[in-house]
Each structure stands twice: as structure tokens, then as C-alpha cells.
Amino acid sequence: MKDCTNCTYADWQRTTTGRLHPSGNGTCTYRYQVMPLPGSMYWLGGFPPTPNGGWITRKQLLADHCVYFLRKAQ
């Protein structure tokens, strides 16, 4: 899915009255878990690797499909 609008992990910015903010901005709240490496391997640059980003918008599609998309229960 390239649209986060109905995703469980989407946390949309809201106005003071609780409505969706006209900016359409939000963040993805999915918590990525790093798989452990075998004892013979190690991470370059420290452990755990830190993901960057997570900004989403209702006004634009993602560049690629999100493998973690989970439709919100209605």
C-alpha cells in the first residue's frame, strides 16, 4: 500500500478540536525490531542500527509499497 491514510500505525497531526490537521502530516508509529546476528558477525557503526524518517502525509503517495501496512479495524 502506498497510502498510509487507513493504516493502524499512522499517527496523524490533529487540531486543538481533535480533527485531522489540514496539513495532512503525521508519523508512522511502527516499531521496527532488529534481528539478532550470529555470534560470528557484528554491526558496523554500533548496535542497534537507528532507522531514520517515519514522516507521512495524506496528500502524497509513498515512493514504494509499505510492507508493514496494516488496515485499521473499522
C-alpha atoms as a PDB file:
ATOM      1  CA  MET A   1       0.000   0.000   0.000  1.00  0.00           C
ATOM      2  CA  LYS A   2       1.390   3.402  -0.949  1.00  0.00           C
ATOM      3  CA  ASP A   3      -1.165   5.372   1.097  1.00  0.00           C
ATOM      4  CA  CYS A   4      -0.975   5.474   4.913  1.00  0.00           C
ATOM      5  CA  THR A   5      -4.432   7.021   5.389  1.00  0.00           C
ATOM      6  CA  ASN A   6      -6.105   3.876   6.819  1.00  0.00           C
ATOM      7  CA  CYS A   7      -3.036   2.307   8.440  1.00  0.00           C
ATOM      8  CA  THR A   8      -3.063   1.270  12.104  1.00  0.00           C
ATOM      9  CA  TYR A   9       0.440   2.708  12.579  1.00  0.00           C
ATOM     10  CA  ALA A  10      -0.414   6.182  11.218  1.00  0.00           C
ATOM     11  CA  ASP A  11      -0.494   8.896  13.895  1.00  0.00           C
ATOM     12  CA  TRP A  12      -1.953  11.983  12.195  1.00  0.00           C
ATOM     13  CA  GLN A  13      -1.424  15.543  13.359  1.00  0.00           C
ATOM     14  CA  ARG A  14      -4.671  16.956  14.783  1.00  0.00           C
ATOM     15  CA  THR A  15      -6.126  20.390  15.501  1.00  0.00           C
ATOM     16  CA  THR A  16      -6.979  21.554  19.028  1.00  0.00           C
ATOM     17  CA  THR A  17     -10.560  20.350  18.467  1.00  0.00           C
ATOM     18  CA  GLY A  18      -9.362  16.844  17.560  1.00  0.00           C
ATOM     19  CA  ARG A  19      -9.956  16.972  13.813  1.00  0.00           C
ATOM     20  CA  LEU A  20      -7.355  15.948  11.262  1.00  0.00           C
ATOM     21  CA  HIS A  21      -5.000  18.854  10.610  1.00  0.00           C
ATOM     22  CA  PRO A  22      -5.270  20.372   7.102  1.00  0.00           C
ATOM     23  CA  SER A  23      -1.503  19.925   6.600  1.00  0.00           C
ATOM     24  CA  GLY A  24      -2.074  16.173   6.235  1.00  0.00           C
ATOM     25  CA  ASN A  25       1.116  15.421   8.170  1.00  0.00           C
ATOM     26  CA  GLY A  26       1.737  12.587  10.581  1.00  0.00           C
ATOM     27  CA  THR A  27       4.224   9.973  11.736  1.00  0.00           C
ATOM     28  CA  CYS A  28       4.493   6.214  11.395  1.00  0.00           C
ATOM     29  CA  THR A  29       4.454   4.549  14.826  1.00  0.00           C
ATOM     30  CA  TYR A  30       5.617   1.094  13.674  1.00  0.00           C
ATOM     31  CA  ARG A  31       8.380  -0.171  15.982  1.00  0.00           C
ATOM     32  CA  TYR A  32      10.990  -1.901  13.849  1.00  0.00           C
ATOM     33  CA  GLN A  33      12.766  -4.753  15.647  1.00  0.00           C
ATOM     34  CA  VAL A  34      16.323  -5.573  14.589  1.00  0.00           C
ATOM     35  CA  MET A  35      17.016  -9.271  14.101  1.00  0.00           C
ATOM     36  CA  PRO A  36      19.939 -10.591  16.170  1.00  0.00           C
ATOM     37  CA  LEU A  37      23.085 -11.510  14.262  1.00  0.00           C
ATOM     38  CA  PRO A  38      25.008 -14.777  14.572  1.00  0.00           C
ATOM     39  CA  GLY A  39      27.864 -14.697  17.082  1.00  0.00           C
ATOM     40  CA  SER A  40      30.443 -14.529  14.282  1.00  0.00           C
ATOM     41  CA  MET A  41      29.041 -11.230  12.918  1.00  0.00           C
ATOM     42  CA  TYR A  42      28.784  -7.677  14.227  1.00  0.00           C
ATOM     43  CA  TRP A  43      27.153  -4.363  13.324  1.00  0.00           C
ATOM     44  CA  LEU A  44      29.285  -1.637  11.767  1.00  0.00           C
ATOM     45  CA  GLY A  45      28.648   1.724  13.370  1.00  0.00           C
ATOM     46  CA  GLY A  46      27.086   0.449  16.568  1.00  0.00           C
ATOM     47  CA  PHE A  47      24.089  -1.563  17.642  1.00  0.00           C
ATOM     48  CA  PRO A  48      21.243  -1.314  17.092  1.00  0.00           C
ATOM     49  CA  PRO A  49      21.159   0.469  13.746  1.00  0.00           C
ATOM     50  CA  THR A  50      18.956   3.556  14.044  1.00  0.00           C
ATOM     51  CA  PRO A  51      16.205   3.983  11.435  1.00  0.00           C
ATOM     52  CA  ASN A  52      15.582   7.488  10.144  1.00  0.00           C
ATOM     53  CA  GLY A  53      12.383   9.052   8.824  1.00  0.00           C
ATOM     54  CA  GLY A  54       8.853   7.976   9.630  1.00  0.00           C
ATOM     55  CA  TRP A  55       7.185  11.154   8.352  1.00  0.00           C
ATOM     56  CA  ILE A  56       3.992  10.521   6.392  1.00  0.00           C
ATOM     57  CA  THR A  57       1.364  12.661   4.700  1.00  0.00           C
ATOM     58  CA  ARG A  58      -2.181  12.116   3.481  1.00  0.00           C
ATOM     59  CA  LYS A  59      -1.525  14.389   0.487  1.00  0.00           C
ATOM     60  CA  GLN A  60       1.084  12.317  -1.316  1.00  0.00           C
ATOM     61  CA  LEU A  61       1.689   8.634  -2.053  1.00  0.00           C
ATOM     62  CA  LEU A  62       4.794   6.820  -0.842  1.00  0.00           C
ATOM     63  CA  ALA A  63       7.511   6.075  -3.393  1.00  0.00           C
ATOM     64  CA  ASP A  64       7.102   2.317  -2.812  1.00  0.00           C
ATOM     65  CA  HIS A  65       4.608  -0.023  -1.149  1.00  0.00           C
ATOM     66  CA  CYS A  66       4.902  -0.306   2.649  1.00  0.00           C
ATOM     67  CA  VAL A  67       5.428  -3.921   3.715  1.00  0.00           C
ATOM     68  CA  TYR A  68       4.160  -3.125   7.245  1.00  0.00           C
ATOM     69  CA  PHE A  69       0.812  -1.625   6.206  1.00  0.00           C
ATOM     70  CA  LEU A  70      -1.974  -2.953   8.421  1.00  0.00           C
ATOM     71  CA  ARG A  71      -5.504  -1.720   7.714  1.00  0.00           C
ATOM     72  CA  LYS A  72      -7.143  -0.090  10.730  1.00  0.00           C
ATOM     73  CA  ALA A  73     -10.127  -2.027  12.128  1.00  0.00           C
ATOM     74  CA  GLN A  74     -13.369  -0.200  11.443  1.00  0.00           C
END
